[in-house]
Amino acid sequence: MTPQRLATIDMVNDCDGFPDLETNPRGYADQLSRLYTLVWEDDQGAFPIGYLPITVLDALRKTPASIRGRLDINPTARTAALWQNLKSYEERTKQAAQLTSYWRKNQTFRLLRGWRNEMWPVYGRNGELLMSIERAAMGLFGTTRYGVHMTAYLRRKDNTSDYDFRIWVPKRSSNKSTYPGMLDNTVAGGLMTHEDPFECIIREADEEASLPEDVMRRSAVETGTVTYIFITDERSGGEPGYIYPECQWVYDLELPSDGSVVPKPKDGEVESFSLHTVEEIQEQLAQGLWKPNCAMVMLDFFARHGVYTPENEPYYDQICARAHRFIPFPGPHWNYQHPDTRC
């Protein structure tokens, strides 16, 4: 039986899977029926900061209060609040670490097998840091996750492609706990608390692809952000059904056409790099070989560079809209000023 080929809208749906209230109110209501909204209350009132699956709420109820800390549940509003009594960022971060370490020790969630010892931020209404949480545990709380993605390419015109882009595509290590062996953007990584996005992409470019710092500082171009709300599946390294609101800072890197700078694996995250035409990547995408959020970043690249246009791509408007979806939880993405390169 021939595997089903993916249209661009299938790729968009695979990444941005959380139903939209305006376009799919029934699906939105159905999704919320499986969740509680994680809220935080300040002097202006309560506001949402994440989505808690029922399984996580049940685990919170079962965890000793001395480990968990304060938990306030409103069954009528279907909201939950954690650590509202703690007054400082440091106290809340310590409490979160105590809870998630307890769950890790007791193997409460498979997701925590991917523990990374990296702290990721959770923001308040005005962009202030509320707390930081271990990267592997962020999905349990459904808070916004931040990262950086970069597409490296060179210019080459010949009869093998209608486009002069040749794009470096890495294959993820088969040993990775998430999406092993799938295709990825040239460089990608998570943004830790207090880390600047540009400094992060420089660090990741060195660690993952052996790209020199001077090349990155001279030639990497920030093109905007890609935002979406992903729902995890069995490929994600844990239980399916976690909600991942994500904001990725996106960069393009044009490398010398003479091939004098070539990405090479360094830290074991990547198995290999290969150079591909636009048409080859389109075929890979159609076969479902790309990690879902990296596919979304690649679609955004194609739209920004004129590979996809309203005339040749029937889902062009949906690609552009849903690659820049509004995320209802506060953070730096709320005040971000997009460059003119956005599709």
C-alpha atoms as a PDB file:
ATOM      1  CA  MET A   1       0.000   0.000   0.000  1.00  0.00           C
ATOM      2  CA  THR A   2       1.415   3.394  -1.010  1.00  0.00           C
ATOM      3  CA  PRO A   3       1.912   5.722   1.991  1.00  0.00           C
ATOM      4  CA  GLN A   4      -0.329   8.786   1.945  1.00  0.00           C
ATOM      5  CA  ARG A   5       1.464  11.887   0.727  1.00  0.00           C
ATOM      6  CA  LEU A   6       1.120  15.047   2.774  1.00  0.00           C
ATOM      7  CA  ALA A   7      -0.146  18.315   1.344  1.00  0.00           C
ATOM      8  CA  THR A   8       1.203  21.515   2.844  1.00  0.00           C
ATOM      9  CA  ILE A   9      -1.991  21.913   4.898  1.00  0.00           C
ATOM     10  CA  ASP A  10      -1.374  18.462   6.418  1.00  0.00           C
ATOM     11  CA  MET A  11       2.072  19.611   7.515  1.00  0.00           C
ATOM     12  CA  VAL A  12       0.592  22.760   9.022  1.00  0.00           C
ATOM     13  CA  ASN A  13      -2.053  20.730  10.873  1.00  0.00           C
ATOM     14  CA  ASP A  14       0.583  18.308  12.144  1.00  0.00           C
ATOM     15  CA  CYS A  15       2.467  21.163  13.798  1.00  0.00           C
ATOM     16  CA  ASP A  16      -0.296  23.597  14.719  1.00  0.00           C
ATOM     17  CA  GLY A  17      -2.738  20.987  15.973  1.00  0.00           C
ATOM     18  CA  PHE A  18      -4.553  22.856  18.748  1.00  0.00           C
ATOM     19  CA  PRO A  19      -7.986  23.881  17.400  1.00  0.00           C
ATOM     20  CA  ASP A  20      -8.649  27.577  16.911  1.00  0.00           C
ATOM     21  CA  LEU A  21     -11.663  29.014  18.721  1.00  0.00           C
ATOM     22  CA  GLU A  22     -12.857  31.122  15.791  1.00  0.00           C
ATOM     23  CA  THR A  23     -12.434  28.635  12.957  1.00  0.00           C
ATOM     24  CA  ASN A  24     -13.161  25.410  14.866  1.00  0.00           C
ATOM     25  CA  PRO A  25     -15.202  26.177  18.011  1.00  0.00           C
ATOM     26  CA  ARG A  26     -16.393  22.585  18.438  1.00  0.00           C
ATOM     27  CA  GLY A  27     -12.862  21.198  18.211  1.00  0.00           C
ATOM     28  CA  TYR A  28     -11.625  23.901  20.570  1.00  0.00           C
ATOM     29  CA  ALA A  29     -14.276  23.029  23.158  1.00  0.00           C
ATOM     30  CA  ASP A  30     -13.526  19.332  22.820  1.00  0.00           C
ATOM     31  CA  GLN A  31      -9.809  19.956  23.355  1.00  0.00           C
ATOM     32  CA  LEU A  32     -10.434  22.119  26.424  1.00  0.00           C
ATOM     33  CA  SER A  33     -12.617  19.388  27.932  1.00  0.00           C
ATOM     34  CA  ARG A  34      -9.423  17.358  28.398  1.00  0.00           C
ATOM     35  CA  LEU A  35      -7.534  20.204  30.055  1.00  0.00           C
ATOM     36  CA  TYR A  36      -7.484  22.656  32.914  1.00  0.00           C
ATOM     37  CA  THR A  37      -6.073  26.121  32.270  1.00  0.00           C
ATOM     38  CA  LEU A  38      -3.066  26.952  34.426  1.00  0.00           C
ATOM     39  CA  VAL A  39      -3.480  30.512  35.679  1.00  0.00           C
ATOM     40  CA  TRP A  40      -1.522  33.103  37.603  1.00  0.00           C
ATOM     41  CA  GLU A  41      -3.072  35.948  39.575  1.00  0.00           C
ATOM     42  CA  ASP A  42      -1.535  39.386  39.951  1.00  0.00           C
ATOM     43  CA  ASP A  43      -2.987  42.718  41.066  1.00  0.00           C
ATOM     44  CA  GLN A  44      -4.989  42.909  37.826  1.00  0.00           C
ATOM     45  CA  GLY A  45      -6.597  39.504  38.292  1.00  0.00           C
ATOM     46  CA  ALA A  46      -6.062  35.983  36.971  1.00  0.00           C
ATOM     47  CA  PHE A  47      -4.630  35.275  33.505  1.00  0.00           C
ATOM     48  CA  PRO A  48      -3.685  32.037  31.697  1.00  0.00           C
ATOM     49  CA  ILE A  49      -0.100  30.800  31.482  1.00  0.00           C
ATOM     50  CA  GLY A  50      -0.512  27.168  30.380  1.00  0.00           C
ATOM     51  CA  TYR A  51      -2.651  24.099  29.736  1.00  0.00           C
ATOM     52  CA  LEU A  52      -2.702  21.225  32.266  1.00  0.00           C
ATOM     53  CA  PRO A  53      -3.815  17.809  30.980  1.00  0.00           C
ATOM     54  CA  ILE A  54      -6.177  16.001  33.350  1.00  0.00           C
ATOM     55  CA  THR A  55      -3.500  13.356  33.940  1.00  0.00           C
ATOM     56  CA  VAL A  56      -1.130  16.014  35.255  1.00  0.00           C
ATOM     57  CA  LEU A  57      -3.823  17.538  37.452  1.00  0.00           C
ATOM     58  CA  ASP A  58      -4.514  14.078  38.905  1.00  0.00           C
ATOM     59  CA  ALA A  59      -0.797  13.621  39.610  1.00  0.00           C
ATOM     60  CA  LEU A  60      -0.723  17.006  41.344  1.00  0.00           C
ATOM     61  CA  ARG A  61      -3.635  15.983  43.564  1.00  0.00           C
ATOM     62  CA  LYS A  62      -1.879  12.729  44.512  1.00  0.00           C
ATOM     63  CA  THR A  63       1.493  14.326  45.258  1.00  0.00           C
ATOM     64  CA  PRO A  64       2.065  15.162  48.951  1.00  0.00           C
ATOM     65  CA  ALA A  65       1.487  18.850  49.607  1.00  0.00           C
ATOM     66  CA  SER A  66       4.898  19.074  51.271  1.00  0.00           C
ATOM     67  CA  ILE A  67       6.430  18.189  47.877  1.00  0.00           C
ATOM     68  CA  ARG A  68       3.920  19.814  45.564  1.00  0.00           C
ATOM     69  CA  GLY A  69       3.335  23.108  47.318  1.00  0.00           C
ATOM     70  CA  ARG A  70       0.116  25.077  47.204  1.00  0.00           C
ATOM     71  CA  LEU A  71      -2.442  24.025  44.581  1.00  0.00           C
ATOM     72  CA  ASP A  72      -5.695  25.942  44.007  1.00  0.00           C
ATOM     73  CA  ILE A  73      -8.330  24.284  41.794  1.00  0.00           C
ATOM     74  CA  ASN A  74     -11.539  25.854  40.491  1.00  0.00           C
ATOM     75  CA  PRO A  75     -13.623  22.999  38.998  1.00  0.00           C
ATOM     76  CA  THR A  76     -16.302  25.381  37.721  1.00  0.00           C
ATOM     77  CA  ALA A  77     -13.884  27.558  35.752  1.00  0.00           C
ATOM     78  CA  ARG A  78     -11.641  24.545  35.028  1.00  0.00           C
ATOM     79  CA  THR A  79      -8.576  26.430  36.209  1.00  0.00           C
ATOM     80  CA  ALA A  80      -5.673  25.557  38.481  1.00  0.00           C
ATOM     81  CA  ALA A  81      -3.015  27.728  40.110  1.00  0.00           C
ATOM     82  CA  LEU A  82       0.311  26.652  41.579  1.00  0.00           C
ATOM     83  CA  TRP A  83       2.507  28.382  44.160  1.00  0.00           C
ATOM     84  CA  GLN A  84       0.415  31.523  44.313  1.00  0.00           C
ATOM     85  CA  ASN A  85       1.589  32.018  47.906  1.00  0.00           C
ATOM     86  CA  LEU A  86       5.272  32.186  46.958  1.00  0.00           C
ATOM     87  CA  LYS A  87       6.416  35.751  46.493  1.00  0.00           C
ATOM     88  CA  SER A  88       9.661  35.448  44.563  1.00  0.00           C
ATOM     89  CA  TYR A  89      10.939  33.971  41.318  1.00  0.00           C
ATOM     90  CA  GLU A  90      13.554  32.016  43.264  1.00  0.00           C
ATOM     91  CA  GLU A  91      11.003  30.422  45.615  1.00  0.00           C
ATOM     92  CA  ARG A  92       8.716  29.361  42.776  1.00  0.00           C
ATOM     93  CA  THR A  93      11.589  27.964  40.746  1.00  0.00           C
ATOM     94  CA  LYS A  94      12.770  25.949  43.757  1.00  0.00           C
ATOM     95  CA  GLN A  95       9.257  24.599  44.355  1.00  0.00           C
ATOM     96  CA  ALA A  96       8.889  23.613  40.700  1.00  0.00           C
ATOM     97  CA  ALA A  97      12.227  21.796  40.850  1.00  0.00           C
ATOM     98  CA  GLN A  98      11.189  19.908  43.975  1.00  0.00           C
ATOM     99  CA  LEU A  99       7.934  18.762  42.380  1.00  0.00           C
ATOM    100  CA  THR A 100       9.343  17.740  39.014  1.00  0.00           C
ATOM    101  CA  SER A 101      12.340  15.976  40.603  1.00  0.00           C
ATOM    102  CA  TYR A 102       9.906  13.987  42.755  1.00  0.00           C
ATOM    103  CA  TRP A 103       7.932  12.958  39.687  1.00  0.00           C
ATOM    104  CA  ARG A 104      11.130  12.037  37.896  1.00  0.00           C
ATOM    105  CA  LYS A 105      12.326   9.897  40.801  1.00  0.00           C
ATOM    106  CA  ASN A 106       8.962   8.127  40.976  1.00  0.00           C
ATOM    107  CA  GLN A 107       8.716   7.694  37.185  1.00  0.00           C
ATOM    108  CA  THR A 108       5.338   9.415  37.182  1.00  0.00           C
ATOM    109  CA  PHE A 109       5.642  10.568  33.557  1.00  0.00           C
ATOM    110  CA  ARG A 110       7.626   9.073  30.673  1.00  0.00           C
ATOM    111  CA  LEU A 111       8.257  12.611  29.479  1.00  0.00           C
ATOM    112  CA  LEU A 112      10.725  13.141  32.312  1.00  0.00           C
ATOM    113  CA  ARG A 113      13.039  10.416  31.016  1.00  0.00           C
ATOM    114  CA  GLY A 114      14.377  13.128  28.717  1.00  0.00           C
ATOM    115  CA  TRP A 115      15.607  15.249  31.647  1.00  0.00           C
ATOM    116  CA  ARG A 116      18.109  17.821  30.331  1.00  0.00           C
ATOM    117  CA  ASN A 117      19.183  19.957  33.317  1.00  0.00           C
ATOM    118  CA  GLU A 118      18.188  23.045  31.336  1.00  0.00           C
ATOM    119  CA  MET A 119      15.917  25.680  32.831  1.00  0.00           C
ATOM    120  CA  TRP A 120      13.231  27.276  30.662  1.00  0.00           C
ATOM    121  CA  PRO A 121      11.305  30.457  31.519  1.00  0.00           C
ATOM    122  CA  VAL A 122       7.649  31.070  32.406  1.00  0.00           C
ATOM    123  CA  TYR A 123       6.529  34.691  32.066  1.00  0.00           C
ATOM    124  CA  GLY A 124       3.952  36.904  33.728  1.00  0.00           C
ATOM    125  CA  ARG A 125       1.530  39.411  32.271  1.00  0.00           C
ATOM    126  CA  ASN A 126       4.091  42.189  31.907  1.00  0.00           C
ATOM    127  CA  GLY A 127       6.992  40.075  30.703  1.00  0.00           C
ATOM    128  CA  GLU A 128       8.402  39.451  34.169  1.00  0.00           C
ATOM    129  CA  LEU A 129       9.816  36.035  35.016  1.00  0.00           C
ATOM    130  CA  LEU A 130       7.453  34.046  37.236  1.00  0.00           C
ATOM    131  CA  MET A 131       9.649  30.958  37.484  1.00  0.00           C
ATOM    132  CA  SER A 132      11.876  28.599  35.538  1.00  0.00           C
ATOM    133  CA  ILE A 133      11.118  24.915  35.003  1.00  0.00           C
ATOM    134  CA  GLU A 134      13.238  21.990  33.836  1.00  0.00           C
ATOM    135  CA  ARG A 135      13.010  21.720  30.058  1.00  0.00           C
ATOM    136  CA  ALA A 136      11.722  18.149  30.040  1.00  0.00           C
ATOM    137  CA  ALA A 137       8.907  19.075  32.438  1.00  0.00           C
ATOM    138  CA  MET A 138       7.605  22.152  30.603  1.00  0.00           C
ATOM    139  CA  GLY A 139       5.168  20.066  28.596  1.00  0.00           C
ATOM    140  CA  LEU A 140       3.448  18.865  31.755  1.00  0.00           C
ATOM    141  CA  PHE A 141       2.312  22.418  32.482  1.00  0.00           C
ATOM    142  CA  GLY A 142       1.618  23.483  28.901  1.00  0.00           C
ATOM    143  CA  THR A 143       3.506  26.749  29.280  1.00  0.00           C
ATOM    144  CA  THR A 144       5.082  28.542  26.313  1.00  0.00           C
ATOM    145  CA  ARG A 145       8.354  27.092  25.072  1.00  0.00           C
ATOM    146  CA  TYR A 146      10.958  29.180  23.267  1.00  0.00           C
ATOM    147  CA  GLY A 147      13.640  28.168  20.803  1.00  0.00           C
ATOM    148  CA  VAL A 148      15.747  29.119  17.795  1.00  0.00           C
ATOM    149  CA  HIS A 149      15.763  27.604  14.300  1.00  0.00           C
ATOM    150  CA  MET A 150      18.047  28.390  11.377  1.00  0.00           C
ATOM    151  CA  THR A 151      18.109  27.425   7.710  1.00  0.00           C
ATOM    152  CA  ALA A 152      21.571  27.467   6.130  1.00  0.00           C
ATOM    153  CA  TYR A 153      21.789  27.516   2.354  1.00  0.00           C
ATOM    154  CA  LEU A 154      23.993  28.475  -0.550  1.00  0.00           C
ATOM    155  CA  ARG A 155      23.236  29.789  -4.014  1.00  0.00           C
ATOM    156  CA  ARG A 156      23.786  27.496  -6.976  1.00  0.00           C
ATOM    157  CA  LYS A 157      22.013  27.655 -10.321  1.00  0.00           C
ATOM    158  CA  ASP A 158      21.975  24.596 -12.568  1.00  0.00           C
ATOM    159  CA  ASN A 159      19.489  22.379 -14.371  1.00  0.00           C
ATOM    160  CA  THR A 160      18.816  20.152 -11.340  1.00  0.00           C
ATOM    161  CA  SER A 161      16.370  22.647  -9.830  1.00  0.00           C
ATOM    162  CA  ASP A 162      14.095  25.534 -10.747  1.00  0.00           C
ATOM    163  CA  TYR A 163      15.463  27.416  -7.731  1.00  0.00           C
ATOM    164  CA  ASP A 164      18.958  28.565  -6.862  1.00  0.00           C
ATOM    165  CA  PHE A 165      18.708  27.513  -3.207  1.00  0.00           C
ATOM    166  CA  ARG A 166      20.683  24.504  -1.983  1.00  0.00           C
ATOM    167  CA  ILE A 167      19.708  23.903   1.638  1.00  0.00           C
ATOM    168  CA  TRP A 168      21.655  22.045   4.317  1.00  0.00           C
ATOM    169  CA  VAL A 169      19.411  19.437   5.942  1.00  0.00           C
ATOM    170  CA  PRO A 170      20.484  17.449   9.011  1.00  0.00           C
ATOM    171  CA  LYS A 171      19.259  13.988   9.929  1.00  0.00           C
ATOM    172  CA  ARG A 172      18.617  13.694  13.651  1.00  0.00           C
ATOM    173  CA  SER A 173      20.521  11.045  15.568  1.00  0.00           C
ATOM    174  CA  SER A 174      18.760   7.698  15.785  1.00  0.00           C
ATOM    175  CA  ASN A 175      19.559   7.750  19.518  1.00  0.00           C
ATOM    176  CA  LYS A 176      17.569  10.911  20.272  1.00  0.00           C
ATOM    177  CA  SER A 177      14.607  10.456  22.601  1.00  0.00           C
ATOM    178  CA  THR A 178      12.423  12.675  20.421  1.00  0.00           C
ATOM    179  CA  TYR A 179      11.867  12.261  16.671  1.00  0.00           C
ATOM    180  CA  PRO A 180      14.906   9.996  16.131  1.00  0.00           C
ATOM    181  CA  GLY A 181      16.150   9.828  12.553  1.00  0.00           C
ATOM    182  CA  MET A 182      13.849  12.565  11.261  1.00  0.00           C
ATOM    183  CA  LEU A 183      14.950  15.561   9.196  1.00  0.00           C
ATOM    184  CA  ASP A 184      15.431  18.949  10.829  1.00  0.00           C
ATOM    185  CA  ASN A 185      16.350  22.560  10.212  1.00  0.00           C
ATOM    186  CA  THR A 186      20.081  23.138   9.815  1.00  0.00           C
ATOM    187  CA  VAL A 187      20.417  24.321  13.422  1.00  0.00           C
ATOM    188  CA  ALA A 188      17.784  24.359  16.175  1.00  0.00           C
ATOM    189  CA  GLY A 189      17.677  24.420  19.948  1.00  0.00           C
ATOM    190  CA  GLY A 190      15.852  25.491  23.068  1.00  0.00           C
ATOM    191  CA  LEU A 191      16.153  28.961  24.568  1.00  0.00           C
ATOM    192  CA  MET A 192      17.122  28.843  28.228  1.00  0.00           C
ATOM    193  CA  THR A 193      16.154  31.390  30.868  1.00  0.00           C
ATOM    194  CA  HIS A 194      17.994  34.721  30.435  1.00  0.00           C
ATOM    195  CA  GLU A 195      19.489  33.588  27.096  1.00  0.00           C
ATOM    196  CA  ASP A 196      19.436  35.964  24.122  1.00  0.00           C
ATOM    197  CA  PRO A 197      18.042  34.324  20.950  1.00  0.00           C
ATOM    198  CA  PHE A 198      20.956  35.404  18.740  1.00  0.00           C
ATOM    199  CA  GLU A 199      23.540  34.202  21.259  1.00  0.00           C
ATOM    200  CA  CYS A 200      21.582  30.949  21.502  1.00  0.00           C
ATOM    201  CA  ILE A 201      21.658  30.315  17.740  1.00  0.00           C
ATOM    202  CA  ILE A 202      25.405  31.028  17.714  1.00  0.00           C
ATOM    203  CA  ARG A 203      25.914  28.506  20.521  1.00  0.00           C
ATOM    204  CA  GLU A 204      23.723  25.886  18.859  1.00  0.00           C
ATOM    205  CA  ALA A 205      25.391  26.427  15.479  1.00  0.00           C
ATOM    206  CA  ASP A 206      28.736  25.578  17.028  1.00  0.00           C
ATOM    207  CA  GLU A 207      27.476  22.637  19.104  1.00  0.00           C
ATOM    208  CA  GLU A 208      25.323  20.980  16.452  1.00  0.00           C
ATOM    209  CA  ALA A 209      26.890  21.988  13.143  1.00  0.00           C
ATOM    210  CA  SER A 210      30.473  23.176  13.803  1.00  0.00           C
ATOM    211  CA  LEU A 211      29.647  26.528  12.187  1.00  0.00           C
ATOM    212  CA  PRO A 212      32.220  29.206  13.112  1.00  0.00           C
ATOM    213  CA  GLU A 213      31.135  32.057  15.364  1.00  0.00           C
ATOM    214  CA  ASP A 214      32.525  34.722  13.038  1.00  0.00           C
ATOM    215  CA  VAL A 215      30.475  33.354  10.133  1.00  0.00           C
ATOM    216  CA  MET A 216      27.344  33.373  12.261  1.00  0.00           C
ATOM    217  CA  ARG A 217      27.825  36.916  13.553  1.00  0.00           C
ATOM    218  CA  ARG A 218      28.574  38.207  10.077  1.00  0.00           C
ATOM    219  CA  SER A 219      25.945  36.384   8.029  1.00  0.00           C
ATOM    220  CA  ALA A 220      23.070  35.011  10.148  1.00  0.00           C
ATOM    221  CA  VAL A 221      19.924  37.114   9.583  1.00  0.00           C
ATOM    222  CA  GLU A 222      16.974  37.202  11.967  1.00  0.00           C
ATOM    223  CA  THR A 223      13.781  36.849   9.909  1.00  0.00           C
ATOM    224  CA  GLY A 224      11.102  36.854  12.625  1.00  0.00           C
ATOM    225  CA  THR A 225       9.368  34.223  14.716  1.00  0.00           C
ATOM    226  CA  VAL A 226       7.284  31.163  13.965  1.00  0.00           C
ATOM    227  CA  THR A 227       4.549  30.442  16.514  1.00  0.00           C
ATOM    228  CA  TYR A 228       2.087  27.550  16.806  1.00  0.00           C
ATOM    229  CA  ILE A 229       0.450  25.270  19.367  1.00  0.00           C
ATOM    230  CA  PHE A 230       1.561  21.653  19.005  1.00  0.00           C
ATOM    231  CA  ILE A 231      -0.098  18.590  20.528  1.00  0.00           C
ATOM    232  CA  THR A 232       2.390  15.820  21.232  1.00  0.00           C
ATOM    233  CA  ASP A 233       2.149  12.288  19.877  1.00  0.00           C
ATOM    234  CA  GLU A 234       4.128   9.084  20.324  1.00  0.00           C
ATOM    235  CA  ARG A 235       7.141  10.556  18.489  1.00  0.00           C
ATOM    236  CA  SER A 236       7.644  13.243  21.135  1.00  0.00           C
ATOM    237  CA  GLY A 237       9.375  11.064  23.715  1.00  0.00           C
ATOM    238  CA  GLY A 238       6.564  10.891  26.263  1.00  0.00           C
ATOM    239  CA  GLU A 239       2.856  10.368  26.675  1.00  0.00           C
ATOM    240  CA  PRO A 240       0.733  11.827  23.824  1.00  0.00           C
ATOM    241  CA  GLY A 241      -1.589  14.754  24.376  1.00  0.00           C
ATOM    242  CA  TYR A 242       0.637  17.382  25.981  1.00  0.00           C
ATOM    243  CA  ILE A 243       0.158  20.938  24.747  1.00  0.00           C
ATOM    244  CA  TYR A 244       3.237  22.776  23.482  1.00  0.00           C
ATOM    245  CA  PRO A 245       2.657  26.462  22.700  1.00  0.00           C
ATOM    246  CA  GLU A 246       5.933  27.368  21.009  1.00  0.00           C
ATOM    247  CA  CYS A 247       7.706  30.460  19.747  1.00  0.00           C
ATOM    248  CA  GLN A 248      10.779  29.967  17.565  1.00  0.00           C
ATOM    249  CA  TRP A 249      13.142  32.785  16.638  1.00  0.00           C
ATOM    250  CA  VAL A 250      14.035  32.094  13.011  1.00  0.00           C
ATOM    251  CA  TYR A 251      17.288  32.838  11.176  1.00  0.00           C
ATOM    252  CA  ASP A 252      18.590  32.449   7.628  1.00  0.00           C
ATOM    253  CA  LEU A 253      22.271  31.877   6.919  1.00  0.00           C
ATOM    254  CA  GLU A 254      23.599  32.192   3.380  1.00  0.00           C
ATOM    255  CA  LEU A 255      26.905  30.346   3.136  1.00  0.00           C
ATOM    256  CA  PRO A 256      29.605  30.848   0.473  1.00  0.00           C
ATOM    257  CA  SER A 257      28.670  29.279  -2.866  1.00  0.00           C
ATOM    258  CA  ASP A 258      32.156  27.775  -3.160  1.00  0.00           C
ATOM    259  CA  GLY A 259      31.394  25.370  -0.308  1.00  0.00           C
ATOM    260  CA  SER A 260      34.184  26.717   1.886  1.00  0.00           C
ATOM    261  CA  VAL A 261      31.901  26.597   4.948  1.00  0.00           C
ATOM    262  CA  VAL A 262      30.089  23.310   5.493  1.00  0.00           C
ATOM    263  CA  PRO A 263      28.067  22.202   8.541  1.00  0.00           C
ATOM    264  CA  LYS A 264      29.450  19.104  10.255  1.00  0.00           C
ATOM    265  CA  PRO A 265      28.087  17.068  13.192  1.00  0.00           C
ATOM    266  CA  LYS A 266      29.768  17.800  16.507  1.00  0.00           C
ATOM    267  CA  ASP A 267      27.775  16.987  19.665  1.00  0.00           C
ATOM    268  CA  GLY A 268      25.991  13.815  18.539  1.00  0.00           C
ATOM    269  CA  GLU A 269      22.585  15.471  18.110  1.00  0.00           C
ATOM    270  CA  VAL A 270      22.897  15.155  14.328  1.00  0.00           C
ATOM    271  CA  GLU A 271      23.821  12.029  12.389  1.00  0.00           C
ATOM    272  CA  SER A 272      24.705  13.760   9.126  1.00  0.00           C
ATOM    273  CA  PHE A 273      24.176  16.855   6.950  1.00  0.00           C
ATOM    274  CA  SER A 274      23.266  16.763   3.273  1.00  0.00           C
ATOM    275  CA  LEU A 275      22.687  19.466   0.675  1.00  0.00           C
ATOM    276  CA  HIS A 276      19.298  19.424  -1.055  1.00  0.00           C
ATOM    277  CA  THR A 277      17.359  21.256  -3.717  1.00  0.00           C
ATOM    278  CA  VAL A 278      13.977  22.813  -2.995  1.00  0.00           C
ATOM    279  CA  GLU A 279      12.268  20.022  -4.954  1.00  0.00           C
ATOM    280  CA  GLU A 280      14.034  17.322  -2.931  1.00  0.00           C
ATOM    281  CA  ILE A 281      12.948  18.952   0.315  1.00  0.00           C
ATOM    282  CA  GLN A 282       9.376  19.282  -0.951  1.00  0.00           C
ATOM    283  CA  GLU A 283       9.398  15.543  -1.617  1.00  0.00           C
ATOM    284  CA  GLN A 284      10.806  14.793   1.849  1.00  0.00           C
ATOM    285  CA  LEU A 285       8.108  16.954   3.409  1.00  0.00           C
ATOM    286  CA  ALA A 286       5.394  15.194   1.408  1.00  0.00           C
ATOM    287  CA  GLN A 287       6.683  11.851   2.683  1.00  0.00           C
ATOM    288  CA  GLY A 288       6.470  13.020   6.308  1.00  0.00           C
ATOM    289  CA  LEU A 289      10.211  12.699   6.904  1.00  0.00           C
ATOM    290  CA  TRP A 290      10.573  16.046   8.693  1.00  0.00           C
ATOM    291  CA  LYS A 291      10.073  16.795  12.380  1.00  0.00           C
ATOM    292  CA  PRO A 292       6.705  18.634  12.480  1.00  0.00           C
ATOM    293  CA  ASN A 293       7.815  22.031  13.793  1.00  0.00           C
ATOM    294  CA  CYS A 294      10.872  22.012  11.522  1.00  0.00           C
ATOM    295  CA  ALA A 295       8.554  21.356   8.594  1.00  0.00           C
ATOM    296  CA  MET A 296       6.590  24.458   9.618  1.00  0.00           C
ATOM    297  CA  VAL A 297       9.785  26.539   9.695  1.00  0.00           C
ATOM    298  CA  MET A 298      10.697  25.194   6.251  1.00  0.00           C
ATOM    299  CA  LEU A 299       7.265  26.112   4.867  1.00  0.00           C
ATOM    300  CA  ASP A 300       7.765  29.610   6.275  1.00  0.00           C
ATOM    301  CA  PHE A 301      11.174  29.779   4.544  1.00  0.00           C
ATOM    302  CA  PHE A 302       9.608  28.785   1.224  1.00  0.00           C
ATOM    303  CA  ALA A 303       6.877  31.412   1.601  1.00  0.00           C
ATOM    304  CA  ARG A 304       9.340  34.156   2.553  1.00  0.00           C
ATOM    305  CA  HIS A 305      11.634  33.371  -0.388  1.00  0.00           C
ATOM    306  CA  GLY A 306       8.938  33.132  -3.040  1.00  0.00           C
ATOM    307  CA  VAL A 307       8.981  29.379  -3.544  1.00  0.00           C
ATOM    308  CA  TYR A 308       5.369  29.400  -2.378  1.00  0.00           C
ATOM    309  CA  THR A 309       3.143  32.236  -3.542  1.00  0.00           C
ATOM    310  CA  PRO A 310      -0.621  32.855  -3.420  1.00  0.00           C
ATOM    311  CA  GLU A 311      -0.662  31.886  -7.109  1.00  0.00           C
ATOM    312  CA  ASN A 312       1.076  28.498  -6.872  1.00  0.00           C
ATOM    313  CA  GLU A 313       0.222  27.301  -3.337  1.00  0.00           C
ATOM    314  CA  PRO A 314      -3.476  26.819  -2.494  1.00  0.00           C
ATOM    315  CA  TYR A 315      -2.800  26.936   1.266  1.00  0.00           C
ATOM    316  CA  TYR A 316      -0.451  29.928   1.178  1.00  0.00           C
ATOM    317  CA  ASP A 317      -2.645  32.095   3.430  1.00  0.00           C
ATOM    318  CA  GLN A 318      -3.007  29.316   6.003  1.00  0.00           C
ATOM    319  CA  ILE A 319       0.731  28.685   6.018  1.00  0.00           C
ATOM    320  CA  CYS A 320       1.435  32.349   6.723  1.00  0.00           C
ATOM    321  CA  ALA A 321      -1.352  32.734   9.293  1.00  0.00           C
ATOM    322  CA  ARG A 322      -0.750  29.563  11.262  1.00  0.00           C
ATOM    323  CA  ALA A 323       3.038  29.827  11.228  1.00  0.00           C
ATOM    324  CA  HIS A 324       2.436  33.080  13.115  1.00  0.00           C
ATOM    325  CA  ARG A 325      -0.401  32.027  15.389  1.00  0.00           C
ATOM    326  CA  PHE A 326      -1.298  34.096  18.417  1.00  0.00           C
ATOM    327  CA  ILE A 327      -0.271  32.360  21.648  1.00  0.00           C
ATOM    328  CA  PRO A 328      -2.568  33.387  24.526  1.00  0.00           C
ATOM    329  CA  PHE A 329       0.076  33.093  27.243  1.00  0.00           C
ATOM    330  CA  PRO A 330       2.317  36.115  27.978  1.00  0.00           C
ATOM    331  CA  GLY A 331       5.978  36.354  27.101  1.00  0.00           C
ATOM    332  CA  PRO A 332       8.441  38.160  24.833  1.00  0.00           C
ATOM    333  CA  HIS A 333       6.536  37.004  21.740  1.00  0.00           C
ATOM    334  CA  TRP A 334       3.737  39.443  22.649  1.00  0.00           C
ATOM    335  CA  ASN A 335       5.861  42.531  22.063  1.00  0.00           C
ATOM    336  CA  TYR A 336       8.121  41.194  19.328  1.00  0.00           C
ATOM    337  CA  GLN A 337       8.518  43.449  16.278  1.00  0.00           C
ATOM    338  CA  HIS A 338       8.744  41.306  13.157  1.00  0.00           C
ATOM    339  CA  PRO A 339      11.198  42.216  10.392  1.00  0.00           C
ATOM    340  CA  ASP A 340       9.778  42.954   6.942  1.00  0.00           C
ATOM    341  CA  THR A 341      10.824  39.480   5.744  1.00  0.00           C
ATOM    342  CA  ARG A 342       7.730  37.834   7.270  1.00  0.00           C
ATOM    343  CA  CYS A 343       5.408  36.199   4.740  1.00  0.00           C
END
